[in-house]
């Protein structure tokens, strides 16, 4: 592997959940509670310890064994499938939202 610049971002979900849980104060009335105050933060056992994202602006050359290469190719395919599913969901969601807005406008105009 040759030298290359690398940017790394590290995120600790457990600490973020603890911070959010400590900043949320209980609401005075249960009927008027906001979604944030009524939601329970995920248990610390279900959250990963650390998320790491790495980025490089240069091409990196790496030698892989066959099994590693197959794993990466299948992983790429599964990410592509997830992306396609997510894009379909988001486009359907935007269509539903635009139709509901148009329906609300028609109801308001008729009244």
PDB file of N, CA and C in Angstrom:
ATOM      1  N   UNK A   1       0.856  -1.177   0.000  1.00  0.00           N
ATOM      2  CA  UNK A   1       0.000   0.000   0.000  1.00  0.00           C
ATOM      3  C   UNK A   1       0.897   1.234   0.000  1.00  0.00           C
ATOM      4  N   UNK A   2       0.579   2.180  -0.860  1.00  0.00           N
ATOM      5  CA  UNK A   2       1.340   3.423  -0.929  1.00  0.00           C
ATOM      6  C   UNK A   2       0.755   4.447   0.029  1.00  0.00           C
ATOM      7  N   UNK A   3       1.500   5.520   0.269  1.00  0.00           N
ATOM      8  CA  UNK A   3       1.015   6.601   1.144  1.00  0.00           C
ATOM      9  C   UNK A   3      -0.176   7.301   0.495  1.00  0.00           C
ATOM     10  N   UNK A   4      -1.152   7.700   1.313  1.00  0.00           N
ATOM     11  CA  UNK A   4      -2.309   8.433   0.808  1.00  0.00           C
ATOM     12  C   UNK A   4      -2.924   9.226   1.962  1.00  0.00           C
ATOM     13  N   UNK A   5      -3.537  10.385   1.635  1.00  0.00           N
ATOM     14  CA  UNK A   5      -4.212  11.159   2.690  1.00  0.00           C
ATOM     15  C   UNK A   5      -5.505  10.459   3.100  1.00  0.00           C
ATOM     16  N   UNK A   6      -5.817  10.507   4.377  1.00  0.00           N
ATOM     17  CA  UNK A   6      -7.001   9.825   4.886  1.00  0.00           C
ATOM     18  C   UNK A   6      -7.697  10.719   5.905  1.00  0.00           C
ATOM     19  N   UNK A   7      -9.008  10.937   5.724  1.00  0.00           N
ATOM     20  CA  UNK A   7      -9.829  11.671   6.679  1.00  0.00           C
ATOM     21  C   UNK A   7     -10.687  10.660   7.414  1.00  0.00           C
ATOM     22  N   UNK A   8     -10.714  10.742   8.720  1.00  0.00           N
ATOM     23  CA  UNK A   8     -11.470   9.790   9.529  1.00  0.00           C
ATOM     24  C   UNK A   8     -12.410  10.559  10.443  1.00  0.00           C
ATOM     25  N   UNK A   9     -13.690  10.147  10.468  1.00  0.00           N
ATOM     26  CA  UNK A   9     -14.686  10.698  11.377  1.00  0.00           C
ATOM     27  C   UNK A   9     -15.120   9.576  12.310  1.00  0.00           C
ATOM     28  N   UNK A  10     -15.183   9.872  13.595  1.00  0.00           N
ATOM     29  CA  UNK A  10     -15.569   8.875  14.589  1.00  0.00           C
ATOM     30  C   UNK A  10     -16.793   9.396  15.330  1.00  0.00           C
ATOM     31  N   UNK A  11     -17.785   8.529  15.519  1.00  0.00           N
ATOM     32  CA  UNK A  11     -19.034   8.897  16.179  1.00  0.00           C
ATOM     33  C   UNK A  11     -19.365   7.819  17.197  1.00  0.00           C
ATOM     34  N   UNK A  12     -19.744   8.235  18.405  1.00  0.00           N
ATOM     35  CA  UNK A  12     -20.105   7.299  19.463  1.00  0.00           C
ATOM     36  C   UNK A  12     -21.597   7.415  19.740  1.00  0.00           C
ATOM     37  N   UNK A  13     -22.416   6.507  19.191  1.00  0.00           N
ATOM     38  CA  UNK A  13     -23.870   6.587  19.356  1.00  0.00           C
ATOM     39  C   UNK A  13     -24.324   6.490  20.810  1.00  0.00           C
ATOM     40  N   UNK A  14     -23.633   5.708  21.619  1.00  0.00           N
ATOM     41  CA  UNK A  14     -24.056   5.564  23.016  1.00  0.00           C
ATOM     42  C   UNK A  14     -23.946   6.886  23.752  1.00  0.00           C
ATOM     43  N   UNK A  15     -22.833   7.598  23.526  1.00  0.00           N
ATOM     44  CA  UNK A  15     -22.670   8.894  24.195  1.00  0.00           C
ATOM     45  C   UNK A  15     -23.710   9.892  23.693  1.00  0.00           C
ATOM     46  N   UNK A  16     -24.033   9.831  22.399  1.00  0.00           N
ATOM     47  CA  UNK A  16     -25.047  10.730  21.849  1.00  0.00           C
ATOM     48  C   UNK A  16     -26.409  10.418  22.456  1.00  0.00           C
ATOM     49  N   UNK A  17     -26.750   9.145  22.593  1.00  0.00           N
ATOM     50  CA  UNK A  17     -28.030   8.757  23.192  1.00  0.00           C
ATOM     51  C   UNK A  17     -28.098   9.203  24.651  1.00  0.00           C
ATOM     52  N   UNK A  18     -26.999   9.059  25.374  1.00  0.00           N
ATOM     53  CA  UNK A  18     -26.960   9.515  26.772  1.00  0.00           C
ATOM     54  C   UNK A  18     -27.134  11.024  26.849  1.00  0.00           C
ATOM     55  N   UNK A  19     -26.470  11.756  25.931  1.00  0.00           N
ATOM     56  CA  UNK A  19     -26.568  13.203  25.923  1.00  0.00           C
ATOM     57  C   UNK A  19     -27.996  13.645  25.604  1.00  0.00           C
ATOM     58  N   UNK A  20     -28.632  12.996  24.614  1.00  0.00           N
ATOM     59  CA  UNK A  20     -30.012  13.335  24.270  1.00  0.00           C
ATOM     60  C   UNK A  20     -30.963  12.997  25.411  1.00  0.00           C
ATOM     61  N   UNK A  21     -30.740  11.875  26.066  1.00  0.00           N
ATOM     62  CA  UNK A  21     -31.606  11.471  27.173  1.00  0.00           C
ATOM     63  C   UNK A  21     -31.482  12.439  28.344  1.00  0.00           C
ATOM     64  N   UNK A  22     -30.294  12.972  28.568  1.00  0.00           N
ATOM     65  CA  UNK A  22     -30.116  13.901  29.685  1.00  0.00           C
ATOM     66  C   UNK A  22     -30.676  15.291  29.378  1.00  0.00           C
ATOM     67  N   UNK A  23     -30.776  15.647  28.082  1.00  0.00           N
ATOM     68  CA  UNK A  23     -31.295  16.974  27.737  1.00  0.00           C
ATOM     69  C   UNK A  23     -32.807  17.011  27.614  1.00  0.00           C
ATOM     70  N   UNK A  24     -33.438  15.834  27.451  1.00  0.00           N
ATOM     71  CA  UNK A  24     -34.894  15.787  27.313  1.00  0.00           C
ATOM     72  C   UNK A  24     -35.512  15.831  28.694  1.00  0.00           C
ATOM     73  N   UNK A  25     -36.346  16.843  28.936  1.00  0.00           N
ATOM     74  CA  UNK A  25     -37.006  16.943  30.232  1.00  0.00           C
ATOM     75  C   UNK A  25     -38.416  16.383  30.122  1.00  0.00           C
ATOM     76  N   UNK A  26     -38.937  15.793  31.190  1.00  0.00           N
ATOM     77  CA  UNK A  26     -40.305  15.268  31.115  1.00  0.00           C
ATOM     78  C   UNK A  26     -41.308  16.397  30.936  1.00  0.00           C
ATOM     79  N   UNK A  27     -42.341  16.122  30.154  1.00  0.00           N
ATOM     80  CA  UNK A  27     -43.349  17.139  29.885  1.00  0.00           C
ATOM     81  C   UNK A  27     -44.337  17.199  31.046  1.00  0.00           C
ATOM     82  N   UNK A  28     -44.956  18.376  31.292  1.00  0.00           N
ATOM     83  CA  UNK A  28     -45.888  18.499  32.404  1.00  0.00           C
ATOM     84  C   UNK A  28     -47.165  17.704  32.222  1.00  0.00           C
ATOM     85  N   UNK A  29     -47.608  17.526  30.978  1.00  0.00           N
ATOM     86  CA  UNK A  29     -48.861  16.823  30.732  1.00  0.00           C
ATOM     87  C   UNK A  29     -48.622  15.685  29.766  1.00  0.00           C
ATOM     88  N   UNK A  30     -49.047  14.454  30.101  1.00  0.00           N
ATOM     89  CA  UNK A  30     -48.816  13.350  29.171  1.00  0.00           C
ATOM     90  C   UNK A  30     -49.554  13.518  27.860  1.00  0.00           C
ATOM     91  N   UNK A  31     -50.694  14.210  27.847  1.00  0.00           N
ATOM     92  CA  UNK A  31     -51.450  14.370  26.608  1.00  0.00           C
ATOM     93  C   UNK A  31     -50.783  15.355  25.663  1.00  0.00           C
ATOM     94  N   UNK A  32     -49.960  16.233  26.209  1.00  0.00           N
ATOM     95  CA  UNK A  32     -49.298  17.231  25.370  1.00  0.00           C
ATOM     96  C   UNK A  32     -47.826  16.900  25.152  1.00  0.00           C
ATOM     97  N   UNK A  33     -47.436  15.689  25.386  1.00  0.00           N
ATOM     98  CA  UNK A  33     -46.021  15.349  25.273  1.00  0.00           C
ATOM     99  C   UNK A  33     -45.594  15.369  23.820  1.00  0.00           C
ATOM    100  N   UNK A  34     -44.365  15.786  23.614  1.00  0.00           N
ATOM    101  CA  UNK A  34     -43.816  15.814  22.265  1.00  0.00           C
ATOM    102  C   UNK A  34     -43.278  14.435  21.923  1.00  0.00           C
ATOM    103  N   UNK A  35     -43.046  14.150  20.624  1.00  0.00           N
ATOM    104  CA  UNK A  35     -42.517  12.840  20.249  1.00  0.00           C
ATOM    105  C   UNK A  35     -41.165  12.558  20.900  1.00  0.00           C
ATOM    106  N   UNK A  36     -40.339  13.591  21.078  1.00  0.00           N
ATOM    107  CA  UNK A  36     -39.031  13.372  21.667  1.00  0.00           C
ATOM    108  C   UNK A  36     -39.138  12.998  23.134  1.00  0.00           C
ATOM    109  N   UNK A  37     -40.039  13.671  23.856  1.00  0.00           N
ATOM    110  CA  UNK A  37     -40.120  13.395  25.281  1.00  0.00           C
ATOM    111  C   UNK A  37     -40.780  12.060  25.563  1.00  0.00           C
ATOM    112  N   UNK A  38     -41.609  11.578  24.657  1.00  0.00           N
ATOM    113  CA  UNK A  38     -42.262  10.293  24.887  1.00  0.00           C
ATOM    114  C   UNK A  38     -41.437   9.134  24.373  1.00  0.00           C
ATOM    115  N   UNK A  39     -40.438   9.417  23.544  1.00  0.00           N
ATOM    116  CA  UNK A  39     -39.639   8.324  23.007  1.00  0.00           C
ATOM    117  C   UNK A  39     -38.589   7.903  24.017  1.00  0.00           C
ATOM    118  N   UNK A  40     -38.347   6.632  24.060  1.00  0.00           N
ATOM    119  CA  UNK A  40     -37.345   6.086  24.957  1.00  0.00           C
ATOM    120  C   UNK A  40     -36.088   5.853  24.150  1.00  0.00           C
ATOM    121  N   UNK A  41     -34.932   6.351  24.629  1.00  0.00           N
ATOM    122  CA  UNK A  41     -33.710   6.107  23.868  1.00  0.00           C
ATOM    123  C   UNK A  41     -33.403   4.626  23.819  1.00  0.00           C
ATOM    124  N   UNK A  42     -32.818   4.171  22.709  1.00  0.00           N
ATOM    125  CA  UNK A  42     -32.513   2.753  22.592  1.00  0.00           C
ATOM    126  C   UNK A  42     -31.584   2.316  23.716  1.00  0.00           C
ATOM    127  N   UNK A  43     -31.728   1.072  24.117  1.00  0.00           N
ATOM    128  CA  UNK A  43     -30.869   0.579  25.187  1.00  0.00           C
ATOM    129  C   UNK A  43     -29.432   0.557  24.713  1.00  0.00           C
ATOM    130  N   UNK A  44     -28.523   0.748  25.642  1.00  0.00           N
ATOM    131  CA  UNK A  44     -27.114   0.834  25.266  1.00  0.00           C
ATOM    132  C   UNK A  44     -26.588  -0.477  24.719  1.00  0.00           C
ATOM    133  N   UNK A  45     -27.266  -1.592  25.008  1.00  0.00           N
ATOM    134  CA  UNK A  45     -26.785  -2.868  24.485  1.00  0.00           C
ATOM    135  C   UNK A  45     -27.065  -3.014  22.988  1.00  0.00           C
ATOM    136  N   UNK A  46     -28.034  -2.270  22.439  1.00  0.00           N
ATOM    137  CA  UNK A  46     -28.348  -2.388  21.021  1.00  0.00           C
ATOM    138  C   UNK A  46     -27.550  -1.423  20.154  1.00  0.00           C
ATOM    139  N   UNK A  47     -26.940  -0.407  20.753  1.00  0.00           N
ATOM    140  CA  UNK A  47     -26.177   0.561  19.977  1.00  0.00           C
ATOM    141  C   UNK A  47     -24.733   0.100  19.801  1.00  0.00           C
ATOM    142  N   UNK A  48     -24.163   0.322  18.616  1.00  0.00           N
ATOM    143  CA  UNK A  48     -22.752  -0.012  18.441  1.00  0.00           C
ATOM    144  C   UNK A  48     -21.882   0.930  19.261  1.00  0.00           C
ATOM    145  N   UNK A  49     -20.699   0.495  19.592  1.00  0.00           N
ATOM    146  CA  UNK A  49     -19.795   1.328  20.383  1.00  0.00           C
ATOM    147  C   UNK A  49     -19.328   2.546  19.601  1.00  0.00           C
ATOM    148  N   UNK A  50     -18.878   2.325  18.369  1.00  0.00           N
ATOM    149  CA  UNK A  50     -18.299   3.412  17.572  1.00  0.00           C
ATOM    150  C   UNK A  50     -18.657   3.207  16.101  1.00  0.00           C
ATOM    151  N   UNK A  51     -18.985   4.308  15.422  1.00  0.00           N
ATOM    152  CA  UNK A  51     -19.103   4.329  13.963  1.00  0.00           C
ATOM    153  C   UNK A  51     -17.873   5.067  13.438  1.00  0.00           C
ATOM    154  N   UNK A  52     -17.278   4.540  12.387  1.00  0.00           N
ATOM    155  CA  UNK A  52     -16.105   5.178  11.798  1.00  0.00           C
ATOM    156  C   UNK A  52     -16.342   5.327  10.302  1.00  0.00           C
ATOM    157  N   UNK A  53     -16.093   6.540   9.797  1.00  0.00           N
ATOM    158  CA  UNK A  53     -16.176   6.802   8.361  1.00  0.00           C
ATOM    159  C   UNK A  53     -14.807   7.295   7.926  1.00  0.00           C
ATOM    160  N   UNK A  54     -14.307   6.718   6.862  1.00  0.00           N
ATOM    161  CA  UNK A  54     -13.000   7.122   6.335  1.00  0.00           C
ATOM    162  C   UNK A  54     -13.166   7.572   4.891  1.00  0.00           C
ATOM    163  N   UNK A  55     -12.388   8.578   4.503  1.00  0.00           N
ATOM    164  CA  UNK A  55     -12.450   9.108   3.141  1.00  0.00           C
ATOM    165  C   UNK A  55     -11.040   9.434   2.678  1.00  0.00           C
ATOM    166  N   UNK A  56     -10.745   9.098   1.444  1.00  0.00           N
ATOM    167  CA  UNK A  56      -9.478   9.473   0.846  1.00  0.00           C
ATOM    168  C   UNK A  56      -9.754  10.088  -0.520  1.00  0.00           C
ATOM    169  N   UNK A  57      -8.960  11.078  -0.879  1.00  0.00           N
ATOM    170  CA  UNK A  57      -9.168  11.759  -2.156  1.00  0.00           C
ATOM    171  C   UNK A  57      -8.327  11.151  -3.270  1.00  0.00           C
ATOM    172  N   UNK A  58      -7.462  10.193  -2.935  1.00  0.00           N
ATOM    173  CA  UNK A  58      -6.622   9.546  -3.933  1.00  0.00           C
ATOM    174  C   UNK A  58      -7.009   8.089  -4.079  1.00  0.00           C
ATOM    175  N   UNK A  59      -6.634   7.529  -5.225  1.00  0.00           N
ATOM    176  CA  UNK A  59      -6.863   6.108  -5.454  1.00  0.00           C
ATOM    177  C   UNK A  59      -5.897   5.305  -4.595  1.00  0.00           C
ATOM    178  N   UNK A  60      -6.382   4.234  -4.002  1.00  0.00           N
ATOM    179  CA  UNK A  60      -5.577   3.392  -3.129  1.00  0.00           C
ATOM    180  C   UNK A  60      -5.448   2.011  -3.773  1.00  0.00           C
ATOM    181  N   UNK A  61      -4.255   1.497  -3.798  1.00  0.00           N
ATOM    182  CA  UNK A  61      -4.007   0.173  -4.347  1.00  0.00           C
ATOM    183  C   UNK A  61      -3.816  -0.805  -3.197  1.00  0.00           C
ATOM    184  N   UNK A  62      -4.607  -1.889  -3.219  1.00  0.00           N
ATOM    185  CA  UNK A  62      -4.565  -2.882  -2.154  1.00  0.00           C
ATOM    186  C   UNK A  62      -4.606  -4.267  -2.791  1.00  0.00           C
ATOM    187  N   UNK A  63      -3.862  -5.209  -2.228  1.00  0.00           N
ATOM    188  CA  UNK A  63      -3.925  -6.597  -2.680  1.00  0.00           C
ATOM    189  C   UNK A  63      -4.940  -7.331  -1.814  1.00  0.00           C
ATOM    190  N   UNK A  64      -5.894  -8.013  -2.475  1.00  0.00           N
ATOM    191  CA  UNK A  64      -6.928  -8.754  -1.756  1.00  0.00           C
ATOM    192  C   UNK A  64      -6.867 -10.226  -2.112  1.00  0.00           C
ATOM    193  N   UNK A  65      -7.239 -11.043  -1.159  1.00  0.00           N
ATOM    194  CA  UNK A  65      -7.424 -12.450  -1.461  1.00  0.00           C
ATOM    195  C   UNK A  65      -8.781 -12.615  -2.137  1.00  0.00           C
ATOM    196  N   UNK A  66      -8.979 -13.760  -2.769  1.00  0.00           N
ATOM    197  CA  UNK A  66     -10.207 -14.008  -3.516  1.00  0.00           C
ATOM    198  C   UNK A  66     -11.452 -13.879  -2.644  1.00  0.00           C
ATOM    199  N   UNK A  67     -11.430 -14.443  -1.440  1.00  0.00           N
ATOM    200  CA  UNK A  67     -12.609 -14.394  -0.566  1.00  0.00           C
ATOM    201  C   UNK A  67     -12.929 -12.970  -0.118  1.00  0.00           C
ATOM    202  N   UNK A  68     -11.897 -12.175   0.133  1.00  0.00           N
ATOM    203  CA  UNK A  68     -12.133 -10.775   0.491  1.00  0.00           C
ATOM    204  C   UNK A  68     -12.771 -10.026  -0.666  1.00  0.00           C
ATOM    205  N   UNK A  69     -12.268 -10.304  -1.876  1.00  0.00           N
ATOM    206  CA  UNK A  69     -12.823  -9.650  -3.060  1.00  0.00           C
ATOM    207  C   UNK A  69     -14.289 -10.031  -3.258  1.00  0.00           C
ATOM    208  N   UNK A  70     -14.607 -11.331  -3.105  1.00  0.00           N
ATOM    209  CA  UNK A  70     -15.997 -11.775  -3.250  1.00  0.00           C
ATOM    210  C   UNK A  70     -16.895 -11.117  -2.213  1.00  0.00           C
ATOM    211  N   UNK A  71     -16.408 -11.022  -0.978  1.00  0.00           N
ATOM    212  CA  UNK A  71     -17.183 -10.363   0.066  1.00  0.00           C
ATOM    213  C   UNK A  71     -17.463  -8.909  -0.307  1.00  0.00           C
ATOM    214  N   UNK A  72     -16.441  -8.197  -0.756  1.00  0.00           N
ATOM    215  CA  UNK A  72     -16.627  -6.788  -1.122  1.00  0.00           C
ATOM    216  C   UNK A  72     -17.583  -6.628  -2.300  1.00  0.00           C
ATOM    217  N   UNK A  73     -17.515  -7.523  -3.265  1.00  0.00           N
ATOM    218  CA  UNK A  73     -18.422  -7.433  -4.410  1.00  0.00           C
ATOM    219  C   UNK A  73     -19.868  -7.697  -3.984  1.00  0.00           C
ATOM    220  N   UNK A  74     -20.078  -8.689  -3.122  1.00  0.00           N
ATOM    221  CA  UNK A  74     -21.436  -8.958  -2.627  1.00  0.00           C
ATOM    222  C   UNK A  74     -21.934  -7.816  -1.759  1.00  0.00           C
ATOM    223  N   UNK A  75     -21.048  -7.242  -0.976  1.00  0.00           N
ATOM    224  CA  UNK A  75     -21.413  -6.100  -0.140  1.00  0.00           C
ATOM    225  C   UNK A  75     -21.822  -4.917  -1.011  1.00  0.00           C
ATOM    226  N   UNK A  76     -21.068  -4.689  -2.094  1.00  0.00           N
ATOM    227  CA  UNK A  76     -21.409  -3.608  -3.026  1.00  0.00           C
ATOM    228  C   UNK A  76     -22.782  -3.849  -3.644  1.00  0.00           C
ATOM    229  N   UNK A  77     -23.053  -5.100  -4.022  1.00  0.00           N
ATOM    230  CA  UNK A  77     -24.356  -5.431  -4.608  1.00  0.00           C
ATOM    231  C   UNK A  77     -25.491  -5.203  -3.604  1.00  0.00           C
ATOM    232  N   UNK A  78     -25.262  -5.596  -2.357  1.00  0.00           N
ATOM    233  CA  UNK A  78     -26.314  -5.403  -1.354  1.00  0.00           C
ATOM    234  C   UNK A  78     -26.533  -3.917  -1.067  1.00  0.00           C
ATOM    235  N   UNK A  79     -25.457  -3.115  -1.056  1.00  0.00           N
ATOM    236  CA  UNK A  79     -25.617  -1.664  -0.873  1.00  0.00           C
ATOM    237  C   UNK A  79     -26.352  -1.044  -2.052  1.00  0.00           C
ATOM    238  N   UNK A  80     -26.073  -1.516  -3.258  1.00  0.00           N
ATOM    239  CA  UNK A  80     -26.765  -1.011  -4.440  1.00  0.00           C
ATOM    240  C   UNK A  80     -28.252  -1.351  -4.362  1.00  0.00           C
ATOM    241  N   UNK A  81     -28.576  -2.575  -3.925  1.00  0.00           N
ATOM    242  CA  UNK A  81     -29.981  -2.964  -3.759  1.00  0.00           C
ATOM    243  C   UNK A  81     -30.670  -2.125  -2.701  1.00  0.00           C
ATOM    244  N   UNK A  82     -29.970  -1.860  -1.596  1.00  0.00           N
ATOM    245  CA  UNK A  82     -30.529  -1.009  -0.543  1.00  0.00           C
ATOM    246  C   UNK A  82     -30.772   0.398  -1.060  1.00  0.00           C
ATOM    247  N   UNK A  83     -29.817   0.919  -1.837  1.00  0.00           N
ATOM    248  CA  UNK A  83     -29.971   2.262  -2.404  1.00  0.00           C
ATOM    249  C   UNK A  83     -31.192   2.316  -3.317  1.00  0.00           C
ATOM    250  N   UNK A  84     -31.365   1.299  -4.167  1.00  0.00           N
ATOM    251  CA  UNK A  84     -32.515   1.277  -5.079  1.00  0.00           C
ATOM    252  C   UNK A  84     -33.828   1.209  -4.307  1.00  0.00           C
ATOM    253  N   UNK A  85     -33.875   0.370  -3.270  1.00  0.00           N
ATOM    254  CA  UNK A  85     -35.077   0.258  -2.445  1.00  0.00           C
ATOM    255  C   UNK A  85     -35.379   1.576  -1.750  1.00  0.00           C
ATOM    256  N   UNK A  86     -34.343   2.214  -1.215  1.00  0.00           N
ATOM    257  CA  UNK A  86     -34.520   3.494  -0.527  1.00  0.00           C
ATOM    258  C   UNK A  86     -35.001   4.572  -1.487  1.00  0.00           C
ATOM    259  N   UNK A  87     -34.455   4.608  -2.697  1.00  0.00           N
ATOM    260  CA  UNK A  87     -34.879   5.609  -3.682  1.00  0.00           C
ATOM    261  C   UNK A  87     -36.335   5.391  -4.082  1.00  0.00           C
ATOM    262  N   UNK A  88     -36.751   4.124  -4.241  1.00  0.00           N
ATOM    263  CA  UNK A  88     -38.154   3.839  -4.559  1.00  0.00           C
ATOM    264  C   UNK A  88     -39.053   4.292  -3.422  1.00  0.00           C
ATOM    265  N   UNK A  89     -38.648   3.989  -2.180  1.00  0.00           N
ATOM    266  CA  UNK A  89     -39.443   4.386  -1.025  1.00  0.00           C
ATOM    267  C   UNK A  89     -39.567   5.899  -0.946  1.00  0.00           C
ATOM    268  N   UNK A  90     -38.448   6.598  -1.138  1.00  0.00           N
ATOM    269  CA  UNK A  90     -38.481   8.064  -1.048  1.00  0.00           C
ATOM    270  C   UNK A  90     -39.319   8.673  -2.159  1.00  0.00           C
ATOM    271  N   UNK A  91     -39.270   8.100  -3.360  1.00  0.00           N
ATOM    272  CA  UNK A  91     -40.082   8.650  -4.447  1.00  0.00           C
ATOM    273  C   UNK A  91     -41.563   8.376  -4.192  1.00  0.00           C
ATOM    274  N   UNK A  92     -41.897   7.197  -3.676  1.00  0.00           N
ATOM    275  CA  UNK A  92     -43.293   6.893  -3.341  1.00  0.00           C
ATOM    276  C   UNK A  92     -43.760   7.794  -2.210  1.00  0.00           C
ATOM    277  N   UNK A  93     -42.883   7.997  -1.209  1.00  0.00           N
ATOM    278  CA  UNK A  93     -43.234   8.854  -0.074  1.00  0.00           C
ATOM    279  C   UNK A  93     -43.487  10.291  -0.537  1.00  0.00           C
ATOM    280  N   UNK A  94     -42.664  10.804  -1.462  1.00  0.00           N
ATOM    281  CA  UNK A  94     -42.857  12.172  -1.935  1.00  0.00           C
ATOM    282  C   UNK A  94     -44.146  12.286  -2.743  1.00  0.00           C
ATOM    283  N   UNK A  95     -44.494  11.238  -3.500  1.00  0.00           N
ATOM    284  CA  UNK A  95     -45.758  11.247  -4.260  1.00  0.00           C
ATOM    285  C   UNK A  95     -46.938  11.272  -3.290  1.00  0.00           C
ATOM    286  N   UNK A  96     -46.869  10.449  -2.255  1.00  0.00           N
ATOM    287  CA  UNK A  96     -47.950  10.395  -1.259  1.00  0.00           C
ATOM    288  C   UNK A  96     -48.102  11.744  -0.566  1.00  0.00           C
ATOM    289  N   UNK A  97     -46.978  12.353  -0.178  1.00  0.00           N
ATOM    290  CA  UNK A  97     -47.034  13.648   0.501  1.00  0.00           C
ATOM    291  C   UNK A  97     -47.604  14.734  -0.417  1.00  0.00           C
ATOM    292  N   UNK A  98     -47.191  14.730  -1.692  1.00  0.00           N
ATOM    293  CA  UNK A  98     -47.698  15.756  -2.607  1.00  0.00           C
ATOM    294  C   UNK A  98     -49.187  15.570  -2.859  1.00  0.00           C
ATOM    295  N   UNK A  99     -49.658  14.313  -2.942  1.00  0.00           N
ATOM    296  CA  UNK A  99     -51.084  14.058  -3.141  1.00  0.00           C
ATOM    297  C   UNK A  99     -51.880  14.455  -1.903  1.00  0.00           C
ATOM    298  N   UNK A 100     -51.350  14.197  -0.711  1.00  0.00           N
ATOM    299  CA  UNK A 100     -52.074  14.575   0.502  1.00  0.00           C
ATOM    300  C   UNK A 100     -52.134  16.089   0.638  1.00  0.00           C
ATOM    301  N   UNK A 101     -51.070  16.792   0.236  1.00  0.00           N
ATOM    302  CA  UNK A 101     -51.095  18.256   0.264  1.00  0.00           C
ATOM    303  C   UNK A 101     -52.127  18.792  -0.713  1.00  0.00           C
ATOM    304  N   UNK A 102     -52.200  18.211  -1.915  1.00  0.00           N
ATOM    305  CA  UNK A 102     -53.187  18.641  -2.903  1.00  0.00           C
ATOM    306  C   UNK A 102     -54.594  18.371  -2.397  1.00  0.00           C
ATOM    307  N   UNK A 103     -54.811  17.243  -1.724  1.00  0.00           N
ATOM    308  CA  UNK A 103     -56.104  16.901  -1.161  1.00  0.00           C
ATOM    309  C   UNK A 103     -56.490  17.897  -0.065  1.00  0.00           C
ATOM    310  N   UNK A 104     -55.537  18.282   0.776  1.00  0.00           N
ATOM    311  CA  UNK A 104     -55.811  19.245   1.837  1.00  0.00           C
ATOM    312  C   UNK A 104     -56.157  20.611   1.251  1.00  0.00           C
ATOM    313  N   UNK A 105     -55.482  20.994   0.184  1.00  0.00           N
ATOM    314  CA  UNK A 105     -55.766  22.281  -0.461  1.00  0.00           C
ATOM    315  C   UNK A 105     -57.173  22.267  -1.036  1.00  0.00           C
ATOM    316  N   UNK A 106     -57.585  21.160  -1.665  1.00  0.00           N
ATOM    317  CA  UNK A 106     -58.928  21.067  -2.224  1.00  0.00           C
ATOM    318  C   UNK A 106     -59.977  21.142  -1.125  1.00  0.00           C
ATOM    319  N   UNK A 107     -59.760  20.497  -0.012  1.00  0.00           N
ATOM    320  CA  UNK A 107     -60.709  20.537   1.096  1.00  0.00           C
ATOM    321  C   UNK A 107     -60.828  21.955   1.626  1.00  0.00           C
ATOM    322  N   UNK A 108     -59.727  22.648   1.774  1.00  0.00           N
ATOM    323  CA  UNK A 108     -59.755  24.019   2.288  1.00  0.00           C
ATOM    324  C   UNK A 108     -60.470  24.944   1.317  1.00  0.00           C
ATOM    325  N   UNK A 109     -60.296  24.743   0.025  1.00  0.00           N
ATOM    326  CA  UNK A 109     -60.938  25.604  -0.959  1.00  0.00           C
ATOM    327  C   UNK A 109     -62.451  25.365  -0.989  1.00  0.00           C
ATOM    328  N   UNK A 110     -62.894  24.136  -0.765  1.00  0.00           N
ATOM    329  CA  UNK A 110     -64.323  23.829  -0.784  1.00  0.00           C
ATOM    330  C   UNK A 110     -65.032  24.381   0.438  1.00  0.00           C
ATOM    331  N   UNK A 111     -64.346  24.476   1.556  1.00  0.00           N
ATOM    332  CA  UNK A 111     -64.976  24.987   2.780  1.00  0.00           C
ATOM    333  C   UNK A 111     -65.121  26.461   2.659  1.00  0.00           C
TER     334      UNK A 111
END
